[in-house]
Amino acid sequence: MLIRLTEWVARTISPVPHKNTLVNWVKEGRIYPVPVFIGRSYYVEENARILTDRTAAPKRPDFKRSNRKLRLADRIAA
């Protein structure tokens, strides 16, 4: 079941971090499974966890750059 990210964090961490910190954690992939943005809020599974090791965090897909052409510098380096 999905619950709001702010509600989940209130159950998990005390004191609750600022909303901007939570959004940064989502963007960095530090919450697993990755929260879903619905409407104006992020929703997360109740059994989600915070990953402390940054190397273990799954990377979010970068939708803005996926359809772009390669830059000349990238094409030369390849």
C-alpha atoms as a PDB file:
ATOM      1  CA  MET A   1       0.000   0.000   0.000  1.00  0.00           C
ATOM      2  CA  LEU A   2       1.282   3.449  -0.882  1.00  0.00           C
ATOM      3  CA  ILE A   3       1.430   6.207   1.720  1.00  0.00           C
ATOM      4  CA  ARG A   4       2.651   9.786   1.517  1.00  0.00           C
ATOM      5  CA  LEU A   5       6.386  10.229   1.805  1.00  0.00           C
ATOM      6  CA  THR A   6       5.996  12.706   4.683  1.00  0.00           C
ATOM      7  CA  GLU A   7       3.846  10.250   6.643  1.00  0.00           C
ATOM      8  CA  TRP A   8       6.299   7.406   6.014  1.00  0.00           C
ATOM      9  CA  VAL A   9       9.274   9.484   7.127  1.00  0.00           C
ATOM     10  CA  ALA A  10       7.441  10.536  10.315  1.00  0.00           C
ATOM     11  CA  ARG A  11       7.097   6.834  11.174  1.00  0.00           C
ATOM     12  CA  THR A  12      10.718   6.083  10.263  1.00  0.00           C
ATOM     13  CA  ILE A  13      12.896   8.996  11.428  1.00  0.00           C
ATOM     14  CA  SER A  14      12.717  11.359  14.366  1.00  0.00           C
ATOM     15  CA  PRO A  15      13.145  14.348  14.030  1.00  0.00           C
ATOM     16  CA  VAL A  16      11.600  14.560  10.582  1.00  0.00           C
ATOM     17  CA  PRO A  17      13.899  16.092   7.926  1.00  0.00           C
ATOM     18  CA  HIS A  18      12.758  19.098   5.905  1.00  0.00           C
ATOM     19  CA  LYS A  19      10.620  18.497   2.805  1.00  0.00           C
ATOM     20  CA  ASN A  20      13.439  19.674   0.520  1.00  0.00           C
ATOM     21  CA  THR A  21      15.768  17.079   2.043  1.00  0.00           C
ATOM     22  CA  LEU A  22      13.224  14.350   1.312  1.00  0.00           C
ATOM     23  CA  VAL A  23      12.912  15.464  -2.307  1.00  0.00           C
ATOM     24  CA  ASN A  24      16.709  15.419  -2.624  1.00  0.00           C
ATOM     25  CA  TRP A  25      16.766  11.868  -1.245  1.00  0.00           C
ATOM     26  CA  VAL A  26      14.199  10.818  -3.847  1.00  0.00           C
ATOM     27  CA  LYS A  27      16.204  12.411  -6.672  1.00  0.00           C
ATOM     28  CA  GLU A  28      19.432  10.793  -5.452  1.00  0.00           C
ATOM     29  CA  GLY A  29      17.770   7.375  -5.251  1.00  0.00           C
ATOM     30  CA  ARG A  30      18.356   6.995  -1.513  1.00  0.00           C
ATOM     31  CA  ILE A  31      14.860   5.597  -0.825  1.00  0.00           C
ATOM     32  CA  TYR A  32      14.091   2.070  -2.006  1.00  0.00           C
ATOM     33  CA  PRO A  33      11.726   1.203  -3.632  1.00  0.00           C
ATOM     34  CA  VAL A  34      11.717   4.483  -5.519  1.00  0.00           C
ATOM     35  CA  PRO A  35       8.776   6.745  -4.529  1.00  0.00           C
ATOM     36  CA  VAL A  36       6.127   7.606  -7.104  1.00  0.00           C
ATOM     37  CA  PHE A  37       5.077  11.198  -7.817  1.00  0.00           C
ATOM     38  CA  ILE A  38       1.267  11.400  -7.947  1.00  0.00           C
ATOM     39  CA  GLY A  39      -0.432  14.780  -8.158  1.00  0.00           C
ATOM     40  CA  ARG A  40       1.564  17.069  -5.894  1.00  0.00           C
ATOM     41  CA  SER A  41       3.074  14.503  -3.541  1.00  0.00           C
ATOM     42  CA  TYR A  42       5.477  11.598  -3.484  1.00  0.00           C
ATOM     43  CA  TYR A  43       4.078   8.235  -2.386  1.00  0.00           C
ATOM     44  CA  VAL A  44       6.142   5.326  -1.152  1.00  0.00           C
ATOM     45  CA  GLU A  45       5.573   1.717  -0.085  1.00  0.00           C
ATOM     46  CA  GLU A  46       5.079   1.228   3.662  1.00  0.00           C
ATOM     47  CA  ASN A  47       8.035  -1.167   3.854  1.00  0.00           C
ATOM     48  CA  ALA A  48      10.437   1.188   2.024  1.00  0.00           C
ATOM     49  CA  ARG A  49      13.854   1.854   3.464  1.00  0.00           C
ATOM     50  CA  ILE A  50      16.537   4.505   3.306  1.00  0.00           C
ATOM     51  CA  LEU A  51      19.795   3.437   1.705  1.00  0.00           C
ATOM     52  CA  THR A  52      22.778   4.848   3.545  1.00  0.00           C
ATOM     53  CA  ASP A  53      25.392   3.576   1.086  1.00  0.00           C
ATOM     54  CA  ARG A  54      25.232   5.898  -1.936  1.00  0.00           C
ATOM     55  CA  THR A  55      26.881   3.333  -4.205  1.00  0.00           C
ATOM     56  CA  ALA A  56      24.018   0.876  -3.580  1.00  0.00           C
ATOM     57  CA  ALA A  57      21.290   3.363  -4.494  1.00  0.00           C
ATOM     58  CA  PRO A  58      19.553   2.645  -7.796  1.00  0.00           C
ATOM     59  CA  LYS A  59      19.865   5.450 -10.301  1.00  0.00           C
ATOM     60  CA  ARG A  60      16.748   7.213 -11.511  1.00  0.00           C
ATOM     61  CA  PRO A  61      16.360   7.283 -15.272  1.00  0.00           C
ATOM     62  CA  ASP A  62      17.163  10.671 -16.748  1.00  0.00           C
ATOM     63  CA  PHE A  63      14.192  11.230 -19.040  1.00  0.00           C
ATOM     64  CA  LYS A  64      15.365  14.667 -20.141  1.00  0.00           C
ATOM     65  CA  ARG A  65      18.616  13.424 -21.689  1.00  0.00           C
ATOM     66  CA  SER A  66      17.580   9.987 -22.968  1.00  0.00           C
ATOM     67  CA  ASN A  67      16.337  11.190 -26.374  1.00  0.00           C
ATOM     68  CA  ARG A  68      19.041  13.762 -27.045  1.00  0.00           C
ATOM     69  CA  LYS A  69      21.676  13.418 -29.705  1.00  0.00           C
ATOM     70  CA  LEU A  70      25.226  12.928 -28.535  1.00  0.00           C
ATOM     71  CA  ARG A  71      27.355  16.019 -28.320  1.00  0.00           C
ATOM     72  CA  LEU A  72      30.284  16.337 -30.708  1.00  0.00           C
ATOM     73  CA  ALA A  73      32.735  15.912 -27.822  1.00  0.00           C
ATOM     74  CA  ASP A  74      31.007  12.660 -26.815  1.00  0.00           C
ATOM     75  CA  ARG A  75      31.018  11.359 -30.409  1.00  0.00           C
ATOM     76  CA  ILE A  76      34.747  12.102 -30.782  1.00  0.00           C
ATOM     77  CA  ALA A  77      35.569  10.403 -27.468  1.00  0.00           C
ATOM     78  CA  ALA A  78      33.673   7.234 -28.477  1.00  0.00           C
END
